[in-house]
PDB file of N, CA and C in Angstrom:
ATOM      1  N   MET A   1      20.110   1.553  -4.730  1.00  0.00           N
ATOM      2  CA  MET A   1      20.079   0.680  -5.891  1.00  0.00           C
ATOM      3  C   MET A   1      19.160  -0.520  -5.623  1.00  0.00           C
ATOM      4  N   SER A   2      19.104  -0.966  -4.377  1.00  0.00           N
ATOM      5  CA  SER A   2      18.253  -2.126  -4.089  1.00  0.00           C
ATOM      6  C   SER A   2      16.785  -1.826  -4.381  1.00  0.00           C
ATOM      7  N   GLN A   3      16.361  -0.560  -4.204  1.00  0.00           N
ATOM      8  CA  GLN A   3      14.980  -0.199  -4.534  1.00  0.00           C
ATOM      9  C   GLN A   3      14.713  -0.366  -6.027  1.00  0.00           C
ATOM     10  N   ALA A   4      15.711  -0.068  -6.838  1.00  0.00           N
ATOM     11  CA  ALA A   4      15.551  -0.204  -8.289  1.00  0.00           C
ATOM     12  C   ALA A   4      15.416  -1.669  -8.681  1.00  0.00           C
ATOM     13  N   LEU A   5      16.099  -2.526  -7.980  1.00  0.00           N
ATOM     14  CA  LEU A   5      16.076  -3.948  -8.321  1.00  0.00           C
ATOM     15  C   LEU A   5      14.856  -4.673  -7.760  1.00  0.00           C
ATOM     16  N   THR A   6      14.324  -4.175  -6.629  1.00  0.00           N
ATOM     17  CA  THR A   6      13.206  -4.859  -5.978  1.00  0.00           C
ATOM     18  C   THR A   6      11.846  -4.220  -6.241  1.00  0.00           C
ATOM     19  N   GLY A   7      11.845  -2.941  -6.626  1.00  0.00           N
ATOM     20  CA  GLY A   7      10.580  -2.241  -6.835  1.00  0.00           C
ATOM     21  C   GLY A   7       9.979  -1.702  -5.559  1.00  0.00           C
ATOM     22  N   HIS A   8      10.692  -1.812  -4.452  1.00  0.00           N
ATOM     23  CA  HIS A   8      10.225  -1.280  -3.176  1.00  0.00           C
ATOM     24  C   HIS A   8      10.731   0.145  -3.038  1.00  0.00           C
ATOM     25  N   GLY A   9       9.933   0.996  -2.469  1.00  0.00           N
ATOM     26  CA  GLY A   9      10.370   2.369  -2.266  1.00  0.00           C
ATOM     27  C   GLY A   9       9.254   3.357  -2.525  1.00  0.00           C
ATOM     28  N   CYS A  10       9.628   4.560  -2.891  1.00  0.00           N
ATOM     29  CA  CYS A  10       8.678   5.660  -3.071  1.00  0.00           C
ATOM     30  C   CYS A  10       8.028   5.638  -4.444  1.00  0.00           C
ATOM     31  N   PHE A  11       7.439   4.535  -4.770  1.00  0.00           N
ATOM     32  CA  PHE A  11       6.684   4.406  -6.015  1.00  0.00           C
ATOM     33  C   PHE A  11       5.216   4.349  -5.631  1.00  0.00           C
ATOM     34  N   GLN A  12       4.403   5.159  -6.279  1.00  0.00           N
ATOM     35  CA  GLN A  12       2.984   5.195  -5.931  1.00  0.00           C
ATOM     36  C   GLN A  12       2.350   3.818  -6.062  1.00  0.00           C
ATOM     37  N   SER A  13       2.786   3.041  -7.027  1.00  0.00           N
ATOM     38  CA  SER A  13       2.275   1.682  -7.205  1.00  0.00           C
ATOM     39  C   SER A  13       2.537   0.838  -5.955  1.00  0.00           C
ATOM     40  N   TYR A  14       3.761   0.888  -5.474  1.00  0.00           N
ATOM     41  CA  TYR A  14       4.152   0.136  -4.279  1.00  0.00           C
ATOM     42  C   TYR A  14       3.393   0.650  -3.059  1.00  0.00           C
ATOM     43  N   LEU A  15       3.336   1.975  -2.899  1.00  0.00           N
ATOM     44  CA  LEU A  15       2.657   2.565  -1.744  1.00  0.00           C
ATOM     45  C   LEU A  15       1.149   2.302  -1.791  1.00  0.00           C
ATOM     46  N   TYR A  16       0.580   2.333  -2.978  1.00  0.00           N
ATOM     47  CA  TYR A  16      -0.850   2.081  -3.145  1.00  0.00           C
ATOM     48  C   TYR A  16      -1.212   0.664  -2.698  1.00  0.00           C
ATOM     49  N   LYS A  17      -0.385  -0.305  -3.044  1.00  0.00           N
ATOM     50  CA  LYS A  17      -0.633  -1.697  -2.650  1.00  0.00           C
ATOM     51  C   LYS A  17      -0.588  -1.870  -1.137  1.00  0.00           C
ATOM     52  N   ARG A  18       0.070  -0.954  -0.451  1.00  0.00           N
ATOM     53  CA  ARG A  18       0.194  -1.006   1.003  1.00  0.00           C
ATOM     54  C   ARG A  18      -0.694   0.026   1.692  1.00  0.00           C
ATOM     55  N   ALA A  19      -1.667   0.558   0.942  1.00  0.00           N
ATOM     56  CA  ALA A  19      -2.631   1.538   1.450  1.00  0.00           C
ATOM     57  C   ALA A  19      -1.949   2.793   1.998  1.00  0.00           C
ATOM     58  N   ARG A  20      -0.845   3.187   1.368  1.00  0.00           N
ATOM     59  CA  ARG A  20      -0.134   4.400   1.794  1.00  0.00           C
ATOM     60  C   ARG A  20      -0.203   5.487   0.728  1.00  0.00           C
ATOM     61  N   ALA A  21      -0.934   5.237  -0.353  1.00  0.00           N
ATOM     62  CA  ALA A  21      -1.162   6.221  -1.413  1.00  0.00           C
ATOM     63  C   ALA A  21      -2.575   6.015  -1.945  1.00  0.00           C
ATOM     64  N   VAL A  22      -3.171   7.088  -2.437  1.00  0.00           N
ATOM     65  CA  VAL A  22      -4.558   7.001  -2.908  1.00  0.00           C
ATOM     66  C   VAL A  22      -4.675   6.446  -4.320  1.00  0.00           C
ATOM     67  N   SER A  23      -3.555   6.409  -5.048  1.00  0.00           N
ATOM     68  CA  SER A  23      -3.579   5.942  -6.432  1.00  0.00           C
ATOM     69  C   SER A  23      -2.191   5.425  -6.816  1.00  0.00           C
ATOM     70  N   PRO A  24      -2.116   4.483  -7.757  1.00  0.00           N
ATOM     71  CA  PRO A  24      -0.814   4.022  -8.231  1.00  0.00           C
ATOM     72  C   PRO A  24      -0.223   4.917  -9.330  1.00  0.00           C
ATOM     73  N   THR A  25      -0.942   5.974  -9.705  1.00  0.00           N
ATOM     74  CA  THR A  25      -0.531   6.843 -10.813  1.00  0.00           C
ATOM     75  C   THR A  25       0.670   7.708 -10.434  1.00  0.00           C
ATOM     76  N   CYS A  26       1.563   7.887 -11.387  1.00  0.00           N
ATOM     77  CA  CYS A  26       2.753   8.712 -11.206  1.00  0.00           C
ATOM     78  C   CYS A  26       2.354  10.154 -10.906  1.00  0.00           C
ATOM     79  N   LEU A  27       2.858  10.701  -9.816  1.00  0.00           N
ATOM     80  CA  LEU A  27       2.551  12.073  -9.437  1.00  0.00           C
ATOM     81  C   LEU A  27       3.361  13.089 -10.240  1.00  0.00           C
ATOM     82  N   GLN A  28       4.438  12.640 -10.867  1.00  0.00           N
ATOM     83  CA  GLN A  28       5.279  13.557 -11.622  1.00  0.00           C
ATOM     84  C   GLN A  28       4.701  13.855 -13.005  1.00  0.00           C
ATOM     85  N   CYS A  29       4.186  12.853 -13.697  1.00  0.00           N
ATOM     86  CA  CYS A  29       3.694  13.069 -15.069  1.00  0.00           C
ATOM     87  C   CYS A  29       2.213  12.744 -15.224  1.00  0.00           C
ATOM     88  N   MET A  30       1.625  12.080 -14.235  1.00  0.00           N
ATOM     89  CA  MET A  30       0.225  11.649 -14.276  1.00  0.00           C
ATOM     90  C   MET A  30      -0.061  10.792 -15.506  1.00  0.00           C
ATOM     91  N   GLY A  31       0.990  10.169 -16.067  1.00  0.00           N
ATOM     92  CA  GLY A  31       0.833   9.463 -17.326  1.00  0.00           C
ATOM     93  C   GLY A  31       0.909   7.961 -17.260  1.00  0.00           C
ATOM     94  N   GLY A  32       1.064   7.400 -16.115  1.00  0.00           N
ATOM     95  CA  GLY A  32       1.151   5.953 -16.037  1.00  0.00           C
ATOM     96  C   GLY A  32       1.283   5.510 -14.598  1.00  0.00           C
ATOM     97  N   GLU A  33       1.300   4.210 -14.412  1.00  0.00           N
ATOM     98  CA  GLU A  33       1.479   3.651 -13.081  1.00  0.00           C
ATOM     99  C   GLU A  33       2.920   3.874 -12.653  1.00  0.00           C
ATOM    100  N   ASP A  34       3.091   4.395 -11.454  1.00  0.00           N
ATOM    101  CA  ASP A  34       4.416   4.743 -10.944  1.00  0.00           C
ATOM    102  C   ASP A  34       5.127   3.496 -10.427  1.00  0.00           C
ATOM    103  N   THR A  35       5.875   2.863 -11.321  1.00  0.00           N
ATOM    104  CA  THR A  35       6.684   1.684 -11.006  1.00  0.00           C
ATOM    105  C   THR A  35       8.149   2.037 -11.223  1.00  0.00           C
ATOM    106  N   VAL A  36       9.039   1.116 -10.896  1.00  0.00           N
ATOM    107  CA  VAL A  36      10.464   1.332 -11.154  1.00  0.00           C
ATOM    108  C   VAL A  36      10.690   1.585 -12.641  1.00  0.00           C
ATOM    109  N   GLU A  37      10.135   0.736 -13.474  1.00  0.00           N
ATOM    110  CA  GLU A  37      10.327   0.870 -14.920  1.00  0.00           C
ATOM    111  C   GLU A  37       9.820   2.222 -15.418  1.00  0.00           C
ATOM    112  N   HIS A  38       8.642   2.612 -14.971  1.00  0.00           N
ATOM    113  CA  HIS A  38       8.095   3.902 -15.387  1.00  0.00           C
ATOM    114  C   HIS A  38       9.018   5.035 -14.941  1.00  0.00           C
ATOM    115  N   THR A  39       9.419   5.004 -13.684  1.00  0.00           N
ATOM    116  CA  THR A  39      10.254   6.070 -13.143  1.00  0.00           C
ATOM    117  C   THR A  39      11.582   6.183 -13.874  1.00  0.00           C
ATOM    118  N   LEU A  40      12.249   5.070 -14.073  1.00  0.00           N
ATOM    119  CA  LEU A  40      13.591   5.116 -14.658  1.00  0.00           C
ATOM    120  C   LEU A  40      13.607   5.276 -16.174  1.00  0.00           C
ATOM    121  N   PHE A  41      12.590   4.796 -16.860  1.00  0.00           N
ATOM    122  CA  PHE A  41      12.690   4.751 -18.318  1.00  0.00           C
ATOM    123  C   PHE A  41      11.557   5.425 -19.092  1.00  0.00           C
ATOM    124  N   GLU A  42      10.426   5.698 -18.456  1.00  0.00           N
ATOM    125  CA  GLU A  42       9.281   6.220 -19.200  1.00  0.00           C
ATOM    126  C   GLU A  42       8.860   7.631 -18.801  1.00  0.00           C
ATOM    127  N   CYS A  43       8.978   7.980 -17.549  1.00  0.00           N
ATOM    128  CA  CYS A  43       8.476   9.260 -17.048  1.00  0.00           C
ATOM    129  C   CYS A  43       9.322  10.424 -17.568  1.00  0.00           C
ATOM    130  N   TYR A  44       8.677  11.312 -18.322  1.00  0.00           N
ATOM    131  CA  TYR A  44       9.395  12.446 -18.904  1.00  0.00           C
ATOM    132  C   TYR A  44       9.886  13.438 -17.852  1.00  0.00           C
ATOM    133  N   TYR A  45       9.316  13.404 -16.660  1.00  0.00           N
ATOM    134  CA  TYR A  45       9.717  14.309 -15.578  1.00  0.00           C
ATOM    135  C   TYR A  45      11.207  14.178 -15.269  1.00  0.00           C
ATOM    136  N   TRP A  46      11.758  12.988 -15.458  1.00  0.00           N
ATOM    137  CA  TRP A  46      13.159  12.721 -15.117  1.00  0.00           C
ATOM    138  C   TRP A  46      14.089  12.778 -16.329  1.00  0.00           C
ATOM    139  N   ASN A  47      13.612  13.253 -17.472  1.00  0.00           N
ATOM    140  CA  ASN A  47      14.411  13.249 -18.702  1.00  0.00           C
ATOM    141  C   ASN A  47      15.795  13.863 -18.540  1.00  0.00           C
ATOM    142  N   ALA A  48      15.899  14.979 -17.852  1.00  0.00           N
ATOM    143  CA  ALA A  48      17.203  15.640 -17.703  1.00  0.00           C
ATOM    144  C   ALA A  48      18.201  14.735 -16.989  1.00  0.00           C
ATOM    145  N   LEU A  49      17.715  13.899 -16.090  1.00  0.00           N
ATOM    146  CA  LEU A  49      18.612  12.987 -15.374  1.00  0.00           C
ATOM    147  C   LEU A  49      18.979  11.771 -16.217  1.00  0.00           C
ATOM    148  N   HIS A  50      18.224  11.508 -17.279  1.00  0.00           N
ATOM    149  CA  HIS A  50      18.543  10.417 -18.215  1.00  0.00           C
ATOM    150  C   HIS A  50      19.618  10.829 -19.210  1.00  0.00           C
ATOM    151  N   ASP A  51      19.735  12.132 -19.456  1.00  0.00           N
ATOM    152  CA  ASP A  51      20.571  12.628 -20.554  1.00  0.00           C
ATOM    153  C   ASP A  51      22.005  12.104 -20.571  1.00  0.00           C
ATOM    154  N   PRO A  52      22.752  12.130 -19.449  1.00  0.00           N
ATOM    155  CA  PRO A  52      24.135  11.625 -19.523  1.00  0.00           C
ATOM    156  C   PRO A  52      24.212  10.156 -19.961  1.00  0.00           C
ATOM    157  N   LEU A  53      23.331   9.313 -19.422  1.00  0.00           N
ATOM    158  CA  LEU A  53      23.336   7.899 -19.809  1.00  0.00           C
ATOM    159  C   LEU A  53      22.869   7.740 -21.255  1.00  0.00           C
ATOM    160  N   SER A  54      21.886   8.519 -21.660  1.00  0.00           N
ATOM    161  CA  SER A  54      21.418   8.470 -23.053  1.00  0.00           C
ATOM    162  C   SER A  54      22.548   8.818 -24.012  1.00  0.00           C
ATOM    163  N   THR A  55      23.331   9.819 -23.661  1.00  0.00           N
ATOM    164  CA  THR A  55      24.471  10.211 -24.489  1.00  0.00           C
ATOM    165  C   THR A  55      25.485   9.080 -24.565  1.00  0.00           C
ATOM    166  N   GLN A  56      25.773   8.463 -23.433  1.00  0.00           N
ATOM    167  CA  GLN A  56      26.737   7.353 -23.384  1.00  0.00           C
ATOM    168  C   GLN A  56      26.274   6.179 -24.243  1.00  0.00           C
ATOM    169  N   LEU A  57      24.984   5.845 -24.150  1.00  0.00           N
ATOM    170  CA  LEU A  57      24.445   4.696 -24.889  1.00  0.00           C
ATOM    171  C   LEU A  57      24.142   5.029 -26.350  1.00  0.00           C
ATOM    172  N   GLY A  58      23.987   6.305 -26.644  1.00  0.00           N
ATOM    173  CA  GLY A  58      23.626   6.715 -27.994  1.00  0.00           C
ATOM    174  C   GLY A  58      22.135   6.636 -28.253  1.00  0.00           C
ATOM    175  N   ARG A  59      21.358   6.460 -27.190  1.00  0.00           N
ATOM    176  CA  ARG A  59      19.892   6.377 -27.261  1.00  0.00           C
ATOM    177  C   ARG A  59      19.358   6.409 -25.832  1.00  0.00           C
ATOM    178  N   ARG A  60      18.065   6.531 -25.726  1.00  0.00           N
ATOM    179  CA  ARG A  60      17.431   6.542 -24.407  1.00  0.00           C
ATOM    180  C   ARG A  60      17.555   5.148 -23.776  1.00  0.00           C
ATOM    181  N   PRO A  61      17.921   5.069 -22.493  1.00  0.00           N
ATOM    182  CA  PRO A  61      18.025   3.756 -21.847  1.00  0.00           C
ATOM    183  C   PRO A  61      16.652   3.095 -21.709  1.00  0.00           C
ATOM    184  N   CYS A  62      16.659   1.761 -21.644  1.00  0.00           N
ATOM    185  CA  CYS A  62      15.414   1.014 -21.473  1.00  0.00           C
ATOM    186  C   CYS A  62      15.677  -0.184 -20.553  1.00  0.00           C
ATOM    187  N   THR A  63      14.609  -0.847 -20.176  1.00  0.00           N
ATOM    188  CA  THR A  63      14.702  -1.991 -19.267  1.00  0.00           C
ATOM    189  C   THR A  63      15.651  -3.064 -19.789  1.00  0.00           C
ATOM    190  N   ALA A  64      15.663  -3.279 -21.086  1.00  0.00           N
ATOM    191  CA  ALA A  64      16.523  -4.311 -21.679  1.00  0.00           C
ATOM    192  C   ALA A  64      18.011  -4.022 -21.478  1.00  0.00           C
ATOM    193  N   ASP A  65      18.357  -2.782 -21.181  1.00  0.00           N
ATOM    194  CA  ASP A  65      19.763  -2.410 -20.972  1.00  0.00           C
ATOM    195  C   ASP A  65      20.295  -2.800 -19.593  1.00  0.00           C
ATOM    196  N   ILE A  66      19.412  -3.035 -18.649  1.00  0.00           N
ATOM    197  CA  ILE A  66      19.816  -3.221 -17.255  1.00  0.00           C
ATOM    198  C   ILE A  66      20.853  -4.327 -17.082  1.00  0.00           C
ATOM    199  N   GLN A  67      20.623  -5.477 -17.641  1.00  0.00           N
ATOM    200  CA  GLN A  67      21.553  -6.593 -17.446  1.00  0.00           C
ATOM    201  C   GLN A  67      22.958  -6.227 -17.913  1.00  0.00           C
ATOM    202  N   ASN A  68      23.075  -5.667 -19.115  1.00  0.00           N
ATOM    203  CA  ASN A  68      24.404  -5.308 -19.614  1.00  0.00           C
ATOM    204  C   ASN A  68      25.031  -4.180 -18.809  1.00  0.00           C
ATOM    205  N   ILE A  69      24.218  -3.239 -18.351  1.00  0.00           N
ATOM    206  CA  ILE A  69      24.764  -2.125 -17.571  1.00  0.00           C
ATOM    207  C   ILE A  69      25.284  -2.618 -16.229  1.00  0.00           C
ATOM    208  N   ILE A  70      24.531  -3.459 -15.563  1.00  0.00           N
ATOM    209  CA  ILE A  70      24.935  -3.921 -14.230  1.00  0.00           C
ATOM    210  C   ILE A  70      26.006  -5.007 -14.302  1.00  0.00           C
ATOM    211  N   CYS A  71      25.856  -5.945 -15.216  1.00  0.00           N
ATOM    212  CA  CYS A  71      26.778  -7.092 -15.289  1.00  0.00           C
ATOM    213  C   CYS A  71      27.934  -6.884 -16.262  1.00  0.00           C
ATOM    214  N   GLY A  72      27.822  -5.893 -17.117  1.00  0.00           N
ATOM    215  CA  GLY A  72      28.845  -5.689 -18.138  1.00  0.00           C
ATOM    216  C   GLY A  72      28.492  -6.451 -19.398  1.00  0.00           C
ATOM    217  N   PRO A  73      29.259  -6.232 -20.445  1.00  0.00           N
ATOM    218  CA  PRO A  73      28.949  -6.880 -21.722  1.00  0.00           C
ATOM    219  C   PRO A  73      29.178  -8.393 -21.655  1.00  0.00           C
ATOM    220  N   PRO A  74      28.413  -9.156 -22.432  1.00  0.00           N
ATOM    221  CA  PRO A  74      28.649 -10.604 -22.501  1.00  0.00           C
ATOM    222  C   PRO A  74      30.058 -10.884 -23.030  1.00  0.00           C
ATOM    223  N   PHE A  75      30.645 -11.966 -22.575  1.00  0.00           N
ATOM    224  CA  PHE A  75      32.012 -12.301 -22.976  1.00  0.00           C
ATOM    225  C   PHE A  75      32.159 -12.435 -24.483  1.00  0.00           C
ATOM    226  N   ASP A  76      31.109 -12.917 -25.153  1.00  0.00           N
ATOM    227  CA  ASP A  76      31.222 -13.088 -26.600  1.00  0.00           C
ATOM    228  C   ASP A  76      31.250 -11.754 -27.353  1.00  0.00           C
ATOM    229  N   GLN A  77      30.941 -10.666 -26.659  1.00  0.00           N
ATOM    230  CA  GLN A  77      31.034  -9.345 -27.280  1.00  0.00           C
ATOM    231  C   GLN A  77      32.389  -8.682 -27.043  1.00  0.00           C
ATOM    232  N   LEU A  78      33.213  -9.328 -26.237  1.00  0.00           N
ATOM    233  CA  LEU A  78      34.539  -8.775 -25.957  1.00  0.00           C
ATOM    234  C   LEU A  78      35.516  -9.208 -27.042  1.00  0.00           C
ATOM    235  N   SER A  79      36.262  -8.260 -27.513  1.00  0.00           N
ATOM    236  CA  SER A  79      37.238  -8.517 -28.568  1.00  0.00           C
ATOM    237  C   SER A  79      38.440  -9.269 -28.006  1.00  0.00           C
ATOM    238  N   ALA A  80      39.086 -10.021 -28.860  1.00  0.00           N
ATOM    239  CA  ALA A  80      40.341 -10.679 -28.477  1.00  0.00           C
ATOM    240  C   ALA A  80      41.476  -9.658 -28.430  1.00  0.00           C
ATOM    241  N   ASP A  81      41.305  -8.561 -29.156  1.00  0.00           N
ATOM    242  CA  ASP A  81      42.306  -7.493 -29.158  1.00  0.00           C
ATOM    243  C   ASP A  81      42.278  -6.775 -27.805  1.00  0.00           C
ATOM    244  N   PRO A  82      43.410  -6.727 -27.095  1.00  0.00           N
ATOM    245  CA  PRO A  82      43.441  -6.130 -25.760  1.00  0.00           C
ATOM    246  C   PRO A  82      42.988  -4.665 -25.724  1.00  0.00           C
ATOM    247  N   ASP A  83      43.353  -3.878 -26.728  1.00  0.00           N
ATOM    248  CA  ASP A  83      42.960  -2.467 -26.743  1.00  0.00           C
ATOM    249  C   ASP A  83      41.453  -2.306 -26.943  1.00  0.00           C
ATOM    250  N   GLU A  84      40.902  -3.084 -27.865  1.00  0.00           N
ATOM    251  CA  GLU A  84      39.455  -3.032 -28.101  1.00  0.00           C
ATOM    252  C   GLU A  84      38.691  -3.531 -26.875  1.00  0.00           C
ATOM    253  N   LYS A  85      39.190  -4.607 -26.284  1.00  0.00           N
ATOM    254  CA  LYS A  85      38.554  -5.162 -25.085  1.00  0.00           C
ATOM    255  C   LYS A  85      38.567  -4.126 -23.965  1.00  0.00           C
ATOM    256  N   SER A  86      39.693  -3.468 -23.791  1.00  0.00           N
ATOM    257  CA  SER A  86      39.819  -2.443 -22.763  1.00  0.00           C
ATOM    258  C   SER A  86      38.845  -1.290 -23.003  1.00  0.00           C
ATOM    259  N   ALA A  87      38.691  -0.874 -24.257  1.00  0.00           N
ATOM    260  CA  ALA A  87      37.765   0.212 -24.591  1.00  0.00           C
ATOM    261  C   ALA A  87      36.319  -0.189 -24.295  1.00  0.00           C
ATOM    262  N   ILE A  88      35.955  -1.420 -24.628  1.00  0.00           N
ATOM    263  CA  ILE A  88      34.597  -1.916 -24.356  1.00  0.00           C
ATOM    264  C   ILE A  88      34.335  -1.940 -22.853  1.00  0.00           C
ATOM    265  N   LEU A  89      35.310  -2.408 -22.086  1.00  0.00           N
ATOM    266  CA  LEU A  89      35.140  -2.476 -20.634  1.00  0.00           C
ATOM    267  C   LEU A  89      35.090  -1.086 -20.000  1.00  0.00           C
ATOM    268  N   ARG A  90      35.867  -0.132 -20.530  1.00  0.00           N
ATOM    269  CA  ARG A  90      35.801   1.252 -20.034  1.00  0.00           C
ATOM    270  C   ARG A  90      34.416   1.847 -20.297  1.00  0.00           C
ATOM    271  N   ASP A  91      33.891   1.602 -21.495  1.00  0.00           N
ATOM    272  CA  ASP A  91      32.542   2.081 -21.814  1.00  0.00           C
ATOM    273  C   ASP A  91      31.501   1.454 -20.883  1.00  0.00           C
ATOM    274  N   ALA A  92      31.651   0.170 -20.616  1.00  0.00           N
ATOM    275  CA  ALA A  92      30.717  -0.527 -19.724  1.00  0.00           C
ATOM    276  C   ALA A  92      30.796   0.047 -18.311  1.00  0.00           C
ATOM    277  N   GLU A  93      32.001   0.316 -17.858  1.00  0.00           N
ATOM    278  CA  GLU A  93      32.176   0.899 -16.518  1.00  0.00           C
ATOM    279  C   GLU A  93      31.547   2.290 -16.447  1.00  0.00           C
ATOM    280  N   GLU A  94      31.725   3.076 -17.490  1.00  0.00           N
ATOM    281  CA  GLU A  94      31.130   4.417 -17.530  1.00  0.00           C
ATOM    282  C   GLU A  94      29.606   4.337 -17.577  1.00  0.00           C
ATOM    283  N   SER A  95      29.064   3.396 -18.328  1.00  0.00           N
ATOM    284  CA  SER A  95      27.608   3.213 -18.371  1.00  0.00           C
ATOM    285  C   SER A  95      27.074   2.851 -16.993  1.00  0.00           C
ATOM    286  N   PHE A  96      27.780   1.969 -16.284  1.00  0.00           N
ATOM    287  CA  PHE A  96      27.356   1.598 -14.931  1.00  0.00           C
ATOM    288  C   PHE A  96      27.400   2.807 -14.006  1.00  0.00           C
ATOM    289  N   ARG A  97      28.470   3.575 -14.076  1.00  0.00           N
ATOM    290  CA  ARG A  97      28.618   4.757 -13.221  1.00  0.00           C
ATOM    291  C   ARG A  97      27.473   5.741 -13.478  1.00  0.00           C
ATOM    292  N   LEU A  98      27.168   5.984 -14.740  1.00  0.00           N
ATOM    293  CA  LEU A  98      26.093   6.912 -15.092  1.00  0.00           C
ATOM    294  C   LEU A  98      24.724   6.381 -14.673  1.00  0.00           C
ATOM    295  N   PHE A  99      24.495   5.082 -14.860  1.00  0.00           N
ATOM    296  CA  PHE A  99      23.228   4.475 -14.453  1.00  0.00           C
ATOM    297  C   PHE A  99      23.058   4.564 -12.940  1.00  0.00           C
ATOM    298  N   TYR A 100      24.094   4.206 -12.217  1.00  0.00           N
ATOM    299  CA  TYR A 100      24.034   4.248 -10.753  1.00  0.00           C
ATOM    300  C   TYR A 100      23.741   5.667 -10.272  1.00  0.00           C
ATOM    301  N   GLY A 101      24.434   6.643 -10.847  1.00  0.00           N
ATOM    302  CA  GLY A 101      24.201   8.038 -10.476  1.00  0.00           C
ATOM    303  C   GLY A 101      22.786   8.484 -10.796  1.00  0.00           C
ATOM    304  N   MET A 102      22.276   8.074 -11.956  1.00  0.00           N
ATOM    305  CA  MET A 102      20.917   8.415 -12.354  1.00  0.00           C
ATOM    306  C   MET A 102      19.910   7.836 -11.357  1.00  0.00           C
ATOM    307  N   VAL A 103      20.070   6.573 -11.026  1.00  0.00           N
ATOM    308  CA  VAL A 103      19.156   5.911 -10.087  1.00  0.00           C
ATOM    309  C   VAL A 103      19.211   6.594  -8.725  1.00  0.00           C
ATOM    310  N   GLU A 104      20.396   6.824  -8.215  1.00  0.00           N
ATOM    311  CA  GLU A 104      20.539   7.452  -6.898  1.00  0.00           C
ATOM    312  C   GLU A 104      19.897   8.835  -6.872  1.00  0.00           C
ATOM    313  N   ARG A 105      20.117   9.629  -7.895  1.00  0.00           N
ATOM    314  CA  ARG A 105      19.573  10.992  -7.937  1.00  0.00           C
ATOM    315  C   ARG A 105      18.048  10.965  -8.054  1.00  0.00           C
ATOM    316  N   ILE A 106      17.529  10.161  -8.953  1.00  0.00           N
ATOM    317  CA  ILE A 106      16.075  10.083  -9.113  1.00  0.00           C
ATOM    318  C   ILE A 106      15.423   9.604  -7.821  1.00  0.00           C
ATOM    319  N   PHE A 107      15.966   8.563  -7.214  1.00  0.00           N
ATOM    320  CA  PHE A 107      15.344   8.023  -6.007  1.00  0.00           C
ATOM    321  C   PHE A 107      15.458   8.986  -4.836  1.00  0.00           C
ATOM    322  N   SER A 108      16.549   9.710  -4.734  1.00  0.00           N
ATOM    323  CA  SER A 108      16.680  10.722  -3.675  1.00  0.00           C
ATOM    324  C   SER A 108      15.614  11.797  -3.833  1.00  0.00           C
ATOM    325  N   LEU A 109      15.434  12.265  -5.057  1.00  0.00           N
ATOM    326  CA  LEU A 109      14.421  13.291  -5.309  1.00  0.00           C
ATOM    327  C   LEU A 109      13.014  12.756  -5.073  1.00  0.00           C
ATOM    328  N   LYS A 110      12.751  11.509  -5.476  1.00  0.00           N
ATOM    329  CA  LYS A 110      11.432  10.913  -5.231  1.00  0.00           C
ATOM    330  C   LYS A 110      11.157  10.802  -3.731  1.00  0.00           C
ATOM    331  N   GLU A 111      12.170  10.415  -2.959  1.00  0.00           N
ATOM    332  CA  GLU A 111      11.994  10.304  -1.510  1.00  0.00           C
ATOM    333  C   GLU A 111      11.697  11.667  -0.896  1.00  0.00           C
ATOM    334  N   GLU A 112      12.424  12.702  -1.338  1.00  0.00           N
ATOM    335  CA  GLU A 112      12.162  14.053  -0.838  1.00  0.00           C
ATOM    336  C   GLU A 112      10.738  14.483  -1.172  1.00  0.00           C
ATOM    337  N   GLU A 113      10.308  14.253  -2.410  1.00  0.00           N
ATOM    338  CA  GLU A 113       8.961  14.627  -2.825  1.00  0.00           C
ATOM    339  C   GLU A 113       7.901  13.847  -2.055  1.00  0.00           C
ATOM    340  N   GLU A 114       8.169  12.583  -1.767  1.00  0.00           N
ATOM    341  CA  GLU A 114       7.215  11.771  -1.010  1.00  0.00           C
ATOM    342  C   GLU A 114       7.096  12.278   0.425  1.00  0.00           C
ATOM    343  N   LEU A 115       8.199  12.670   1.029  1.00  0.00           N
ATOM    344  CA  LEU A 115       8.149  13.225   2.387  1.00  0.00           C
ATOM    345  C   LEU A 115       7.329  14.511   2.417  1.00  0.00           C
ATOM    346  N   VAL A 116       7.489  15.351   1.420  1.00  0.00           N
ATOM    347  CA  VAL A 116       6.703  16.588   1.326  1.00  0.00           C
ATOM    348  C   VAL A 116       5.226  16.249   1.168  1.00  0.00           C
ATOM    349  N   ARG A 117       4.925  15.277   0.310  1.00  0.00           N
ATOM    350  CA  ARG A 117       3.531  14.865   0.091  1.00  0.00           C
ATOM    351  C   ARG A 117       2.908  14.344   1.379  1.00  0.00           C
ATOM    352  N   GLN A 118       3.638  13.501   2.099  1.00  0.00           N
ATOM    353  CA  GLN A 118       3.116  12.939   3.341  1.00  0.00           C
ATOM    354  C   GLN A 118       2.919  14.021   4.397  1.00  0.00           C
ATOM    355  N   ALA A 119       3.845  14.967   4.468  1.00  0.00           N
ATOM    356  CA  ALA A 119       3.712  16.067   5.428  1.00  0.00           C
ATOM    357  C   ALA A 119       2.491  16.921   5.097  1.00  0.00           C
ATOM    358  N   ALA A 120       2.235  17.145   3.816  1.00  0.00           N
ATOM    359  CA  ALA A 120       1.075  17.935   3.401  1.00  0.00           C
ATOM    360  C   ALA A 120      -0.222  17.218   3.763  1.00  0.00           C
ATOM    361  N   GLU A 121      -0.233  15.896   3.683  1.00  0.00           N
ATOM    362  CA  GLU A 121      -1.433  15.126   4.029  1.00  0.00           C
ATOM    363  C   GLU A 121      -1.776  15.260   5.503  1.00  0.00           C
ATOM    364  N   VAL A 122      -0.764  15.412   6.344  1.00  0.00           N
ATOM    365  CA  VAL A 122      -0.988  15.552   7.780  1.00  0.00           C
ATOM    366  C   VAL A 122      -1.806  16.808   8.062  1.00  0.00           C
ATOM    367  N   TRP A 123      -1.590  17.836   7.264  1.00  0.00           N
ATOM    368  CA  TRP A 123      -2.268  19.118   7.478  1.00  0.00           C
ATOM    369  C   TRP A 123      -3.642  19.178   6.820  1.00  0.00           C
ATOM    370  N   LEU A 124      -4.015  18.166   6.069  1.00  0.00           N
ATOM    371  CA  LEU A 124      -5.335  18.188   5.416  1.00  0.00           C
ATOM    372  C   LEU A 124      -6.439  17.767   6.343  1.00  0.00           C
TER     373      LEU A 124
END
């Protein structure tokens, strides 16, 4: 999760800035600069891993969702009714669980793919 928050990790953009990749372009879709935002919210290669969170949110997740997903809903959005408040908090907890799982799975796969890429470069 810290890689998602800091932008450090197996992102071509990050690796390119450190002379460890030949280009900052996403290797999965070739459609943009491979950053955290691109990987988590824009790259169609990871769409299947977005689906559970998209279903929970009722739309595709975006960068603007991060604060509410990680910190939970603002207090002014919580109902005074205990049952409604409990339902909102359960939904928030489920959104966090799905987001965390999505990030962990995507980053694990990106790390595996990066190791394969680096190993292939050794043989070139």
